[in-house]
Amino acid sequence: MNKQYETVFILTPILSEAQMRDAVDKFRNLLTENGAELVHEEDWGLRKLAYPIQKKNTGYYQLVEYTAPGTLIDTLETEFRRDERVMRFLTVLLDKHAIAYNEKKRKGLVGRKKDVEPKKEEA
């Protein structure tokens, strides 16, 4: 039974646009070639880091949501560790609540203010 995962990885900012795309494609292909099914992908772009990593203050963020067998996670994380372009990564197993939340977020139902009527004052 495949489970649903979400992985965020940060690539070094010294890469060119083409090198960054190559790195992202490498990991996307690694997932799909090993039986993962991509659910959603987001390119967060160049962002400031909370603290310096390898003397760098920014990094390219990429988020991938996918279903895969659990054995694939070890393979993926080993490749992240071997690749010098990857500064940090985090893989999370999503439970049913996280999956539902992500679906709502993609539809735009999360994060915006709802139309709320002003409270009527009672005398």
PDB file of N, CA and C in Angstrom:
ATOM      1  N   MET A   1       0.853  -1.200   0.000  1.00  0.00           N
ATOM      2  CA  MET A   1       0.000   0.000   0.000  1.00  0.00           C
ATOM      3  C   MET A   1       0.887   1.248   0.000  1.00  0.00           C
ATOM      4  N   ASN A   2       0.684   2.103  -0.978  1.00  0.00           N
ATOM      5  CA  ASN A   2       1.445   3.347  -1.039  1.00  0.00           C
ATOM      6  C   ASN A   2       0.869   4.369  -0.074  1.00  0.00           C
ATOM      7  N   LYS A   3       1.748   5.136   0.523  1.00  0.00           N
ATOM      8  CA  LYS A   3       1.337   6.210   1.424  1.00  0.00           C
ATOM      9  C   LYS A   3       1.652   7.535   0.760  1.00  0.00           C
ATOM     10  N   GLN A   4       1.047   8.601   1.282  1.00  0.00           N
ATOM     11  CA  GLN A   4       1.262   9.928   0.693  1.00  0.00           C
ATOM     12  C   GLN A   4       2.296  10.690   1.520  1.00  0.00           C
ATOM     13  N   TYR A   5       3.263  11.268   0.825  1.00  0.00           N
ATOM     14  CA  TYR A   5       4.358  11.998   1.448  1.00  0.00           C
ATOM     15  C   TYR A   5       4.448  13.404   0.861  1.00  0.00           C
ATOM     16  N   GLU A   6       5.153  14.250   1.603  1.00  0.00           N
ATOM     17  CA  GLU A   6       5.453  15.604   1.141  1.00  0.00           C
ATOM     18  C   GLU A   6       6.923  15.845   1.447  1.00  0.00           C
ATOM     19  N   THR A   7       7.675  16.266   0.447  1.00  0.00           N
ATOM     20  CA  THR A   7       9.098  16.539   0.627  1.00  0.00           C
ATOM     21  C   THR A   7       9.383  17.974   0.205  1.00  0.00           C
ATOM     22  N   VAL A   8      10.097  18.686   1.058  1.00  0.00           N
ATOM     23  CA  VAL A   8      10.589  20.023   0.726  1.00  0.00           C
ATOM     24  C   VAL A   8      12.104  19.923   0.724  1.00  0.00           C
ATOM     25  N   PHE A   9      12.725  20.423  -0.337  1.00  0.00           N
ATOM     26  CA  PHE A   9      14.186  20.466  -0.336  1.00  0.00           C
ATOM     27  C   PHE A   9      14.661  21.839  -0.770  1.00  0.00           C
ATOM     28  N   ILE A  10      15.844  22.206  -0.265  1.00  0.00           N
ATOM     29  CA  ILE A  10      16.427  23.522  -0.531  1.00  0.00           C
ATOM     30  C   ILE A  10      17.713  23.319  -1.309  1.00  0.00           C
ATOM     31  N   LEU A  11      17.792  23.959  -2.471  1.00  0.00           N
ATOM     32  CA  LEU A  11      18.987  23.882  -3.311  1.00  0.00           C
ATOM     33  C   LEU A  11      19.841  25.128  -3.092  1.00  0.00           C
ATOM     34  N   THR A  12      21.135  24.976  -3.272  1.00  0.00           N
ATOM     35  CA  THR A  12      22.066  26.089  -3.094  1.00  0.00           C
ATOM     36  C   THR A  12      21.745  27.228  -4.078  1.00  0.00           C
ATOM     37  N   PRO A  13      21.872  28.481  -3.647  1.00  0.00           N
ATOM     38  CA  PRO A  13      21.503  29.614  -4.512  1.00  0.00           C
ATOM     39  C   PRO A  13      22.520  29.927  -5.604  1.00  0.00           C
ATOM     40  N   ILE A  14      23.677  29.260  -5.603  1.00  0.00           N
ATOM     41  CA  ILE A  14      24.691  29.586  -6.615  1.00  0.00           C
ATOM     42  C   ILE A  14      24.421  28.913  -7.957  1.00  0.00           C
ATOM     43  N   LEU A  15      23.340  28.132  -8.025  1.00  0.00           N
ATOM     44  CA  LEU A  15      22.992  27.445  -9.277  1.00  0.00           C
ATOM     45  C   LEU A  15      22.350  28.406 -10.268  1.00  0.00           C
ATOM     46  N   SER A  16      22.587  28.159 -11.544  1.00  0.00           N
ATOM     47  CA  SER A  16      21.877  28.918 -12.574  1.00  0.00           C
ATOM     48  C   SER A  16      20.459  28.367 -12.654  1.00  0.00           C
ATOM     49  N   GLU A  17      19.599  29.045 -13.387  1.00  0.00           N
ATOM     50  CA  GLU A  17      18.214  28.596 -13.560  1.00  0.00           C
ATOM     51  C   GLU A  17      18.179  27.187 -14.164  1.00  0.00           C
ATOM     52  N   ALA A  18      19.029  26.946 -15.168  1.00  0.00           N
ATOM     53  CA  ALA A  18      19.070  25.636 -15.832  1.00  0.00           C
ATOM     54  C   ALA A  18      19.572  24.547 -14.883  1.00  0.00           C
ATOM     55  N   GLN A  19      20.594  24.854 -14.081  1.00  0.00           N
ATOM     56  CA  GLN A  19      21.125  23.877 -13.133  1.00  0.00           C
ATOM     57  C   GLN A  19      20.086  23.538 -12.062  1.00  0.00           C
ATOM     58  N   MET A  20      19.325  24.540 -11.647  1.00  0.00           N
ATOM     59  CA  MET A  20      18.287  24.305 -10.653  1.00  0.00           C
ATOM     60  C   MET A  20      17.211  23.382 -11.234  1.00  0.00           C
ATOM     61  N   ARG A  21      16.783  23.654 -12.466  1.00  0.00           N
ATOM     62  CA  ARG A  21      15.777  22.804 -13.122  1.00  0.00           C
ATOM     63  C   ARG A  21      16.290  21.376 -13.283  1.00  0.00           C
ATOM     64  N   ASP A  22      17.580  21.226 -13.627  1.00  0.00           N
ATOM     65  CA  ASP A  22      18.174  19.886 -13.763  1.00  0.00           C
ATOM     66  C   ASP A  22      18.111  19.127 -12.446  1.00  0.00           C
ATOM     67  N   ALA A  23      18.422  19.809 -11.347  1.00  0.00           N
ATOM     68  CA  ALA A  23      18.402  19.162 -10.036  1.00  0.00           C
ATOM     69  C   ALA A  23      16.978  18.743  -9.665  1.00  0.00           C
ATOM     70  N   VAL A  24      16.012  19.622  -9.897  1.00  0.00           N
ATOM     71  CA  VAL A  24      14.612  19.307  -9.586  1.00  0.00           C
ATOM     72  C   VAL A  24      14.142  18.139 -10.463  1.00  0.00           C
ATOM     73  N   ASP A  25      14.500  18.156 -11.749  1.00  0.00           N
ATOM     74  CA  ASP A  25      14.121  17.073 -12.661  1.00  0.00           C
ATOM     75  C   ASP A  25      14.725  15.746 -12.219  1.00  0.00           C
ATOM     76  N   LYS A  26      15.958  15.795 -11.727  1.00  0.00           N
ATOM     77  CA  LYS A  26      16.630  14.574 -11.262  1.00  0.00           C
ATOM     78  C   LYS A  26      15.804  13.898 -10.170  1.00  0.00           C
ATOM     79  N   PHE A  27      15.359  14.681  -9.186  1.00  0.00           N
ATOM     80  CA  PHE A  27      14.620  14.098  -8.067  1.00  0.00           C
ATOM     81  C   PHE A  27      13.192  13.716  -8.478  1.00  0.00           C
ATOM     82  N   ARG A  28      12.585  14.499  -9.355  1.00  0.00           N
ATOM     83  CA  ARG A  28      11.257  14.161  -9.866  1.00  0.00           C
ATOM     84  C   ARG A  28      11.326  12.825 -10.614  1.00  0.00           C
ATOM     85  N   ASN A  29      12.344  12.661 -11.464  1.00  0.00           N
ATOM     86  CA  ASN A  29      12.505  11.421 -12.224  1.00  0.00           C
ATOM     87  C   ASN A  29      12.806  10.240 -11.308  1.00  0.00           C
ATOM     88  N   LEU A  30      13.613  10.466 -10.283  1.00  0.00           N
ATOM     89  CA  LEU A  30      13.918   9.408  -9.317  1.00  0.00           C
ATOM     90  C   LEU A  30      12.633   8.883  -8.683  1.00  0.00           C
ATOM     91  N   LEU A  31      11.738   9.801  -8.343  1.00  0.00           N
ATOM     92  CA  LEU A  31      10.456   9.402  -7.750  1.00  0.00           C
ATOM     93  C   LEU A  31       9.614   8.602  -8.742  1.00  0.00           C
ATOM     94  N   THR A  32       9.393   9.148  -9.924  1.00  0.00           N
ATOM     95  CA  THR A  32       8.493   8.510 -10.883  1.00  0.00           C
ATOM     96  C   THR A  32       9.042   7.179 -11.392  1.00  0.00           C
ATOM     97  N   GLU A  33      10.363   7.081 -11.557  1.00  0.00           N
ATOM     98  CA  GLU A  33      10.964   5.839 -12.048  1.00  0.00           C
ATOM     99  C   GLU A  33      10.887   4.719 -11.012  1.00  0.00           C
ATOM    100  N   ASN A  34      10.716   5.072  -9.748  1.00  0.00           N
ATOM    101  CA  ASN A  34      10.659   4.072  -8.679  1.00  0.00           C
ATOM    102  C   ASN A  34       9.244   3.853  -8.159  1.00  0.00           C
ATOM    103  N   GLY A  35       8.251   4.205  -8.958  1.00  0.00           N
ATOM    104  CA  GLY A  35       6.869   3.867  -8.623  1.00  0.00           C
ATOM    105  C   GLY A  35       6.080   4.922  -7.876  1.00  0.00           C
ATOM    106  N   ALA A  36       6.614   6.108  -7.733  1.00  0.00           N
ATOM    107  CA  ALA A  36       5.868   7.177  -7.061  1.00  0.00           C
ATOM    108  C   ALA A  36       4.938   7.851  -8.062  1.00  0.00           C
ATOM    109  N   GLU A  37       3.831   8.342  -7.541  1.00  0.00           N
ATOM    110  CA  GLU A  37       2.890   9.096  -8.364  1.00  0.00           C
ATOM    111  C   GLU A  37       2.831  10.520  -7.815  1.00  0.00           C
ATOM    112  N   LEU A  38       3.212  11.498  -8.630  1.00  0.00           N
ATOM    113  CA  LEU A  38       3.225  12.888  -8.174  1.00  0.00           C
ATOM    114  C   LEU A  38       1.801  13.391  -8.031  1.00  0.00           C
ATOM    115  N   VAL A  39       1.505  13.996  -6.877  1.00  0.00           N
ATOM    116  CA  VAL A  39       0.185  14.541  -6.608  1.00  0.00           C
ATOM    117  C   VAL A  39       0.180  16.044  -6.863  1.00  0.00           C
ATOM    118  N   HIS A  40       1.241  16.720  -6.382  1.00  0.00           N
ATOM    119  CA  HIS A  40       1.306  18.178  -6.503  1.00  0.00           C
ATOM    120  C   HIS A  40       2.765  18.606  -6.383  1.00  0.00           C
ATOM    121  N   GLU A  41       3.082  19.722  -7.029  1.00  0.00           N
ATOM    122  CA  GLU A  41       4.443  20.233  -6.973  1.00  0.00           C
ATOM    123  C   GLU A  41       4.393  21.754  -6.943  1.00  0.00           C
ATOM    124  N   GLU A  42       5.234  22.350  -6.115  1.00  0.00           N
ATOM    125  CA  GLU A  42       5.301  23.812  -6.032  1.00  0.00           C
ATOM    126  C   GLU A  42       6.751  24.260  -6.059  1.00  0.00           C
ATOM    127  N   ASP A  43       7.030  25.273  -6.865  1.00  0.00           N
ATOM    128  CA  ASP A  43       8.345  25.895  -6.890  1.00  0.00           C
ATOM    129  C   ASP A  43       8.226  27.184  -6.091  1.00  0.00           C
ATOM    130  N   TRP A  44       8.800  27.201  -4.911  1.00  0.00           N
ATOM    131  CA  TRP A  44       8.707  28.393  -4.054  1.00  0.00           C
ATOM    132  C   TRP A  44       9.759  29.419  -4.418  1.00  0.00           C
ATOM    133  N   GLY A  45      10.719  29.043  -5.238  1.00  0.00           N
ATOM    134  CA  GLY A  45      11.725  29.976  -5.718  1.00  0.00           C
ATOM    135  C   GLY A  45      12.791  30.294  -4.686  1.00  0.00           C
ATOM    136  N   LEU A  46      13.502  31.379  -4.941  1.00  0.00           N
ATOM    137  CA  LEU A  46      14.600  31.806  -4.069  1.00  0.00           C
ATOM    138  C   LEU A  46      14.025  32.497  -2.840  1.00  0.00           C
ATOM    139  N   ARG A  47      14.352  31.984  -1.666  1.00  0.00           N
ATOM    140  CA  ARG A  47      13.845  32.547  -0.409  1.00  0.00           C
ATOM    141  C   ARG A  47      14.980  32.742   0.577  1.00  0.00           C
ATOM    142  N   LYS A  48      14.764  33.669   1.485  1.00  0.00           N
ATOM    143  CA  LYS A  48      15.734  33.910   2.550  1.00  0.00           C
ATOM    144  C   LYS A  48      15.623  32.785   3.570  1.00  0.00           C
ATOM    145  N   LEU A  49      16.778  32.297   4.026  1.00  0.00           N
ATOM    146  CA  LEU A  49      16.808  31.236   5.029  1.00  0.00           C
ATOM    147  C   LEU A  49      16.649  31.835   6.428  1.00  0.00           C
ATOM    148  N   ALA A  50      16.128  31.047   7.353  1.00  0.00           N
ATOM    149  CA  ALA A  50      15.966  31.499   8.735  1.00  0.00           C
ATOM    150  C   ALA A  50      17.329  31.681   9.395  1.00  0.00           C
ATOM    151  N   TYR A  51      18.306  30.889   8.989  1.00  0.00           N
ATOM    152  CA  TYR A  51      19.668  30.992   9.504  1.00  0.00           C
ATOM    153  C   TYR A  51      20.612  30.548   8.395  1.00  0.00           C
ATOM    154  N   PRO A  52      21.855  31.019   8.406  1.00  0.00           N
ATOM    155  CA  PRO A  52      22.777  30.652   7.331  1.00  0.00           C
ATOM    156  C   PRO A  52      23.049  29.144   7.301  1.00  0.00           C
ATOM    157  N   ILE A  53      23.087  28.589   6.091  1.00  0.00           N
ATOM    158  CA  ILE A  53      23.459  27.193   5.870  1.00  0.00           C
ATOM    159  C   ILE A  53      24.614  27.216   4.881  1.00  0.00           C
ATOM    160  N   GLN A  54      25.733  26.609   5.234  1.00  0.00           N
ATOM    161  CA  GLN A  54      26.929  26.592   4.379  1.00  0.00           C
ATOM    162  C   GLN A  54      27.320  28.017   3.969  1.00  0.00           C
ATOM    163  N   LYS A  55      27.216  28.940   4.904  1.00  0.00           N
ATOM    164  CA  LYS A  55      27.553  30.364   4.703  1.00  0.00           C
ATOM    165  C   LYS A  55      26.677  31.035   3.642  1.00  0.00           C
ATOM    166  N   LYS A  56      25.487  30.498   3.401  1.00  0.00           N
ATOM    167  CA  LYS A  56      24.554  31.093   2.442  1.00  0.00           C
ATOM    168  C   LYS A  56      23.295  31.526   3.174  1.00  0.00           C
ATOM    169  N   ASN A  57      22.712  32.650   2.740  1.00  0.00           N
ATOM    170  CA  ASN A  57      21.527  33.194   3.394  1.00  0.00           C
ATOM    171  C   ASN A  57      20.237  32.964   2.618  1.00  0.00           C
ATOM    172  N   THR A  58      20.350  32.427   1.391  1.00  0.00           N
ATOM    173  CA  THR A  58      19.164  32.158   0.570  1.00  0.00           C
ATOM    174  C   THR A  58      19.267  30.759  -0.022  1.00  0.00           C
ATOM    175  N   GLY A  59      18.149  30.273  -0.548  1.00  0.00           N
ATOM    176  CA  GLY A  59      18.139  28.968  -1.197  1.00  0.00           C
ATOM    177  C   GLY A  59      16.895  28.821  -2.058  1.00  0.00           C
ATOM    178  N   TYR A  60      16.951  27.922  -3.042  1.00  0.00           N
ATOM    179  CA  TYR A  60      15.794  27.614  -3.889  1.00  0.00           C
ATOM    180  C   TYR A  60      14.972  26.524  -3.197  1.00  0.00           C
ATOM    181  N   TYR A  61      13.722  26.832  -2.937  1.00  0.00           N
ATOM    182  CA  TYR A  61      12.829  25.882  -2.268  1.00  0.00           C
ATOM    183  C   TYR A  61      11.961  25.170  -3.300  1.00  0.00           C
ATOM    184  N   GLN A  62      11.782  23.872  -3.104  1.00  0.00           N
ATOM    185  CA  GLN A  62      10.923  23.062  -3.965  1.00  0.00           C
ATOM    186  C   GLN A  62      10.115  22.118  -3.089  1.00  0.00           C
ATOM    187  N   LEU A  63       8.796  22.051  -3.325  1.00  0.00           N
ATOM    188  CA  LEU A  63       7.925  21.149  -2.587  1.00  0.00           C
ATOM    189  C   LEU A  63       7.342  20.132  -3.553  1.00  0.00           C
ATOM    190  N   VAL A  64       7.348  18.853  -3.156  1.00  0.00           N
ATOM    191  CA  VAL A  64       6.773  17.790  -3.975  1.00  0.00           C
ATOM    192  C   VAL A  64       5.883  16.946  -3.069  1.00  0.00           C
ATOM    193  N   GLU A  65       4.639  16.739  -3.508  1.00  0.00           N
ATOM    194  CA  GLU A  65       3.701  15.874  -2.791  1.00  0.00           C
ATOM    195  C   GLU A  65       3.448  14.663  -3.686  1.00  0.00           C
ATOM    196  N   TYR A  66       3.539  13.459  -3.119  1.00  0.00           N
ATOM    197  CA  TYR A  66       3.459  12.253  -3.934  1.00  0.00           C
ATOM    198  C   TYR A  66       3.015  11.045  -3.107  1.00  0.00           C
ATOM    199  N   THR A  67       2.531  10.021  -3.801  1.00  0.00           N
ATOM    200  CA  THR A  67       2.258   8.734  -3.167  1.00  0.00           C
ATOM    201  C   THR A  67       3.366   7.792  -3.608  1.00  0.00           C
ATOM    202  N   ALA A  68       3.866   6.991  -2.660  1.00  0.00           N
ATOM    203  CA  ALA A  68       4.988   6.105  -2.963  1.00  0.00           C
ATOM    204  C   ALA A  68       5.075   5.002  -1.918  1.00  0.00           C
ATOM    205  N   PRO A  69       5.741   3.902  -2.280  1.00  0.00           N
ATOM    206  CA  PRO A  69       6.016   2.883  -1.269  1.00  0.00           C
ATOM    207  C   PRO A  69       7.037   3.427  -0.272  1.00  0.00           C
ATOM    208  N   GLY A  70       6.939   3.016   0.981  1.00  0.00           N
ATOM    209  CA  GLY A  70       7.817   3.533   2.031  1.00  0.00           C
ATOM    210  C   GLY A  70       9.291   3.291   1.776  1.00  0.00           C
ATOM    211  N   THR A  71       9.622   2.234   1.034  1.00  0.00           N
ATOM    212  CA  THR A  71      11.029   1.922   0.771  1.00  0.00           C
ATOM    213  C   THR A  71      11.695   2.961  -0.123  1.00  0.00           C
ATOM    214  N   LEU A  72      10.911   3.701  -0.879  1.00  0.00           N
ATOM    215  CA  LEU A  72      11.463   4.715  -1.786  1.00  0.00           C
ATOM    216  C   LEU A  72      12.039   5.907  -1.026  1.00  0.00           C
ATOM    217  N   ILE A  73      11.544   6.172   0.170  1.00  0.00           N
ATOM    218  CA  ILE A  73      11.988   7.338   0.932  1.00  0.00           C
ATOM    219  C   ILE A  73      13.477   7.236   1.265  1.00  0.00           C
ATOM    220  N   ASP A  74      13.934   6.052   1.663  1.00  0.00           N
ATOM    221  CA  ASP A  74      15.364   5.871   1.957  1.00  0.00           C
ATOM    222  C   ASP A  74      16.215   6.152   0.729  1.00  0.00           C
ATOM    223  N   THR A  75      15.778   5.659  -0.421  1.00  0.00           N
ATOM    224  CA  THR A  75      16.507   5.875  -1.675  1.00  0.00           C
ATOM    225  C   THR A  75      16.568   7.366  -2.004  1.00  0.00           C
ATOM    226  N   LEU A  76      15.432   8.039  -1.875  1.00  0.00           N
ATOM    227  CA  LEU A  76      15.360   9.472  -2.173  1.00  0.00           C
ATOM    228  C   LEU A  76      16.270  10.272  -1.246  1.00  0.00           C
ATOM    229  N   GLU A  77      16.196   9.991   0.051  1.00  0.00           N
ATOM    230  CA  GLU A  77      16.993  10.759   1.016  1.00  0.00           C
ATOM    231  C   GLU A  77      18.486  10.480   0.869  1.00  0.00           C
ATOM    232  N   THR A  78      18.842   9.267   0.459  1.00  0.00           N
ATOM    233  CA  THR A  78      20.255   8.962   0.185  1.00  0.00           C
ATOM    234  C   THR A  78      20.750   9.820  -0.975  1.00  0.00           C
ATOM    235  N   GLU A  79      19.923   9.962  -2.012  1.00  0.00           N
ATOM    236  CA  GLU A  79      20.295  10.799  -3.156  1.00  0.00           C
ATOM    237  C   GLU A  79      20.410  12.268  -2.750  1.00  0.00           C
ATOM    238  N   PHE A  80      19.528  12.744  -1.867  1.00  0.00           N
ATOM    239  CA  PHE A  80      19.628  14.120  -1.371  1.00  0.00           C
ATOM    240  C   PHE A  80      20.960  14.331  -0.667  1.00  0.00           C
ATOM    241  N   ARG A  81      21.361  13.370   0.161  1.00  0.00           N
ATOM    242  CA  ARG A  81      22.617  13.495   0.915  1.00  0.00           C
ATOM    243  C   ARG A  81      23.834  13.476  -0.001  1.00  0.00           C
ATOM    244  N   ARG A  82      23.759  12.713  -1.078  1.00  0.00           N
ATOM    245  CA  ARG A  82      24.892  12.592  -2.008  1.00  0.00           C
ATOM    246  C   ARG A  82      25.038  13.799  -2.922  1.00  0.00           C
ATOM    247  N   ASP A  83      23.962  14.515  -3.147  1.00  0.00           N
ATOM    248  CA  ASP A  83      23.962  15.628  -4.101  1.00  0.00           C
ATOM    249  C   ASP A  83      24.406  16.909  -3.402  1.00  0.00           C
ATOM    250  N   GLU A  84      25.522  17.467  -3.841  1.00  0.00           N
ATOM    251  CA  GLU A  84      26.070  18.673  -3.197  1.00  0.00           C
ATOM    252  C   GLU A  84      25.206  19.914  -3.420  1.00  0.00           C
ATOM    253  N   ARG A  85      24.270  19.865  -4.376  1.00  0.00           N
ATOM    254  CA  ARG A  85      23.396  21.014  -4.633  1.00  0.00           C
ATOM    255  C   ARG A  85      22.309  21.158  -3.573  1.00  0.00           C
ATOM    256  N   VAL A  86      22.019  20.082  -2.844  1.00  0.00           N
ATOM    257  CA  VAL A  86      20.951  20.091  -1.839  1.00  0.00           C
ATOM    258  C   VAL A  86      21.527  20.509  -0.489  1.00  0.00           C
ATOM    259  N   MET A  87      20.983  21.597   0.066  1.00  0.00           N
ATOM    260  CA  MET A  87      21.453  22.075   1.370  1.00  0.00           C
ATOM    261  C   MET A  87      20.663  21.439   2.507  1.00  0.00           C
ATOM    262  N   ARG A  88      19.347  21.307   2.339  1.00  0.00           N
ATOM    263  CA  ARG A  88      18.480  20.710   3.368  1.00  0.00           C
ATOM    264  C   ARG A  88      17.307  20.025   2.677  1.00  0.00           C
ATOM    265  N   PHE A  89      16.707  19.055   3.372  1.00  0.00           N
ATOM    266  CA  PHE A  89      15.493  18.408   2.878  1.00  0.00           C
ATOM    267  C   PHE A  89      14.706  17.895   4.069  1.00  0.00           C
ATOM    268  N   LEU A  90      13.413  17.743   3.866  1.00  0.00           N
ATOM    269  CA  LEU A  90      12.540  17.204   4.898  1.00  0.00           C
ATOM    270  C   LEU A  90      11.405  16.455   4.214  1.00  0.00           C
ATOM    271  N   THR A  91      11.214  15.190   4.610  1.00  0.00           N
ATOM    272  CA  THR A  91      10.122  14.381   4.084  1.00  0.00           C
ATOM    273  C   THR A  91       9.168  14.074   5.223  1.00  0.00           C
ATOM    274  N   VAL A  92       7.872  14.271   4.964  1.00  0.00           N
ATOM    275  CA  VAL A  92       6.844  14.063   5.983  1.00  0.00           C
ATOM    276  C   VAL A  92       5.793  13.098   5.437  1.00  0.00           C
ATOM    277  N   LEU A  93       5.402  12.121   6.252  1.00  0.00           N
ATOM    278  CA  LEU A  93       4.303  11.227   5.923  1.00  0.00           C
ATOM    279  C   LEU A  93       3.014  11.965   6.260  1.00  0.00           C
ATOM    280  N   LEU A  94       2.116  12.082   5.278  1.00  0.00           N
ATOM    281  CA  LEU A  94       0.876  12.825   5.486  1.00  0.00           C
ATOM    282  C   LEU A  94      -0.226  11.903   5.998  1.00  0.00           C
ATOM    283  N   ASP A  95      -0.917  12.351   7.045  1.00  0.00           N
ATOM    284  CA  ASP A  95      -2.083  11.596   7.507  1.00  0.00           C
ATOM    285  C   ASP A  95      -3.313  12.113   6.754  1.00  0.00           C
ATOM    286  N   LYS A  96      -4.475  11.541   7.038  1.00  0.00           N
ATOM    287  CA  LYS A  96      -5.677  11.909   6.280  1.00  0.00           C
ATOM    288  C   LYS A  96      -6.049  13.381   6.463  1.00  0.00           C
ATOM    289  N   HIS A  97      -5.740  13.946   7.631  1.00  0.00           N
ATOM    290  CA  HIS A  97      -6.065  15.356   7.877  1.00  0.00           C
ATOM    291  C   HIS A  97      -5.155  16.281   7.059  1.00  0.00           C
ATOM    292  N   ALA A  98      -3.875  15.931   6.968  1.00  0.00           N
ATOM    293  CA  ALA A  98      -2.931  16.732   6.184  1.00  0.00           C
ATOM    294  C   ALA A  98      -3.268  16.658   4.699  1.00  0.00           C
ATOM    295  N   ILE A  99      -3.673  15.477   4.235  1.00  0.00           N
ATOM    296  CA  ILE A  99      -4.053  15.320   2.828  1.00  0.00           C
ATOM    297  C   ILE A  99      -5.273  16.181   2.517  1.00  0.00           C
ATOM    298  N   ALA A 100      -6.270  16.154   3.404  1.00  0.00           N
ATOM    299  CA  ALA A 100      -7.479  16.970   3.207  1.00  0.00           C
ATOM    300  C   ALA A 100      -7.138  18.454   3.229  1.00  0.00           C
ATOM    301  N   TYR A 101      -6.259  18.865   4.159  1.00  0.00           N
ATOM    302  CA  TYR A 101      -5.848  20.266   4.253  1.00  0.00           C
ATOM    303  C   TYR A 101      -5.150  20.702   2.955  1.00  0.00           C
ATOM    304  N   ASN A 102      -4.234  19.876   2.447  1.00  0.00           N
ATOM    305  CA  ASN A 102      -3.518  20.223   1.213  1.00  0.00           C
ATOM    306  C   ASN A 102      -4.469  20.348   0.028  1.00  0.00           C
ATOM    307  N   GLU A 103      -5.480  19.485  -0.040  1.00  0.00           N
ATOM    308  CA  GLU A 103      -6.463  19.576  -1.130  1.00  0.00           C
ATOM    309  C   GLU A 103      -7.254  20.871  -1.040  1.00  0.00           C
ATOM    310  N   LYS A 104      -7.649  21.250   0.185  1.00  0.00           N
ATOM    311  CA  LYS A 104      -8.378  22.518   0.366  1.00  0.00           C
ATOM    312  C   LYS A 104      -7.489  23.700  -0.007  1.00  0.00           C
ATOM    313  N   LYS A 105      -6.216  23.634   0.380  1.00  0.00           N
ATOM    314  CA  LYS A 105      -5.289  24.726   0.085  1.00  0.00           C
ATOM    315  C   LYS A 105      -5.120  24.902  -1.417  1.00  0.00           C
ATOM    316  N   ARG A 106      -5.031  23.783  -2.147  1.00  0.00           N
ATOM    317  CA  ARG A 106      -4.890  23.872  -3.608  1.00  0.00           C
ATOM    318  C   ARG A 106      -6.119  24.467  -4.264  1.00  0.00           C
ATOM    319  N   LYS A 107      -7.299  24.237  -3.675  1.00  0.00           N
ATOM    320  CA  LYS A 107      -8.536  24.784  -4.218  1.00  0.00           C
ATOM    321  C   LYS A 107      -8.761  26.235  -3.786  1.00  0.00           C
ATOM    322  N   GLY A 108      -7.893  26.768  -2.931  1.00  0.00           N
ATOM    323  CA  GLY A 108      -8.016  28.146  -2.483  1.00  0.00           C
ATOM    324  C   GLY A 108      -8.983  28.337  -1.337  1.00  0.00           C
ATOM    325  N   LEU A 109      -9.320  27.256  -0.651  1.00  0.00           N
ATOM    326  CA  LEU A 109     -10.289  27.364   0.443  1.00  0.00           C
ATOM    327  C   LEU A 109      -9.628  27.634   1.787  1.00  0.00           C
ATOM    328  N   VAL A 110      -8.308  27.595   1.839  1.00  0.00           N
ATOM    329  CA  VAL A 110      -7.584  27.813   3.082  1.00  0.00           C
ATOM    330  C   VAL A 110      -6.731  29.061   2.930  1.00  0.00           C
ATOM    331  N   GLY A 111      -6.693  29.872   3.972  1.00  0.00           N
ATOM    332  CA  GLY A 111      -5.803  31.022   3.964  1.00  0.00           C
ATOM    333  C   GLY A 111      -6.446  32.337   3.571  1.00  0.00           C
ATOM    334  N   ARG A 112      -7.706  32.304   3.178  1.00  0.00           N
ATOM    335  CA  ARG A 112      -8.374  33.562   2.861  1.00  0.00           C
ATOM    336  C   ARG A 112      -9.472  33.805   3.893  1.00  0.00           C
ATOM    337  N   LYS A 113      -9.800  35.046   4.076  1.00  0.00           N
ATOM    338  CA  LYS A 113     -10.821  35.384   5.070  1.00  0.00           C
ATOM    339  C   LYS A 113     -12.201  35.072   4.524  1.00  0.00           C
ATOM    340  N   LYS A 114     -13.001  34.481   5.366  1.00  0.00           N
ATOM    341  CA  LYS A 114     -14.364  34.145   4.963  1.00  0.00           C
ATOM    342  C   LYS A 114     -15.233  35.389   5.071  1.00  0.00           C
ATOM    343  N   ASP A 115     -16.299  35.412   4.292  1.00  0.00           N
ATOM    344  CA  ASP A 115     -17.243  36.530   4.379  1.00  0.00           C
ATOM    345  C   ASP A 115     -18.007  36.399   5.683  1.00  0.00           C
ATOM    346  N   VAL A 116     -17.697  37.289   6.598  1.00  0.00           N
ATOM    347  CA  VAL A 116     -18.322  37.230   7.917  1.00  0.00           C
ATOM    348  C   VAL A 116     -19.200  38.463   8.087  1.00  0.00           C
ATOM    349  N   GLU A 117     -20.430  38.228   8.514  1.00  0.00           N
ATOM    350  CA  GLU A 117     -21.322  39.362   8.761  1.00  0.00           C
ATOM    351  C   GLU A 117     -20.924  40.014  10.080  1.00  0.00           C
ATOM    352  N   PRO A 118     -20.969  41.359  10.139  1.00  0.00           N
ATOM    353  CA  PRO A 118     -20.651  42.011  11.392  1.00  0.00           C
ATOM    354  C   PRO A 118     -21.671  41.643  12.477  1.00  0.00           C
ATOM    355  N   LYS A 119     -21.163  41.548  13.704  1.00  0.00           N
ATOM    356  CA  LYS A 119     -22.054  41.187  14.808  1.00  0.00           C
ATOM    357  C   LYS A 119     -23.036  42.323  15.077  1.00  0.00           C
ATOM    358  N   LYS A 120     -24.283  41.935  15.341  1.00  0.00           N
ATOM    359  CA  LYS A 120     -25.305  42.925  15.665  1.00  0.00           C
ATOM    360  C   LYS A 120     -25.303  43.148  17.176  1.00  0.00           C
ATOM    361  N   GLU A 121     -25.285  44.395  17.542  1.00  0.00           N
ATOM    362  CA  GLU A 121     -25.298  44.706  18.974  1.00  0.00           C
ATOM    363  C   GLU A 121     -26.716  44.599  19.511  1.00  0.00           C
ATOM    364  N   GLU A 122     -26.830  43.908  20.649  1.00  0.00           N
ATOM    365  CA  GLU A 122     -28.122  43.763  21.270  1.00  0.00           C
ATOM    366  C   GLU A 122     -28.282  44.835  22.341  1.00  0.00           C
ATOM    367  N   ALA A 123     -29.498  45.393  22.423  1.00  0.00           N
ATOM    368  CA  ALA A 123     -29.723  46.466  23.382  1.00  0.00           C
ATOM    369  C   ALA A 123     -30.251  45.943  24.687  1.00  0.00           C
TER     370      ALA A 123
END
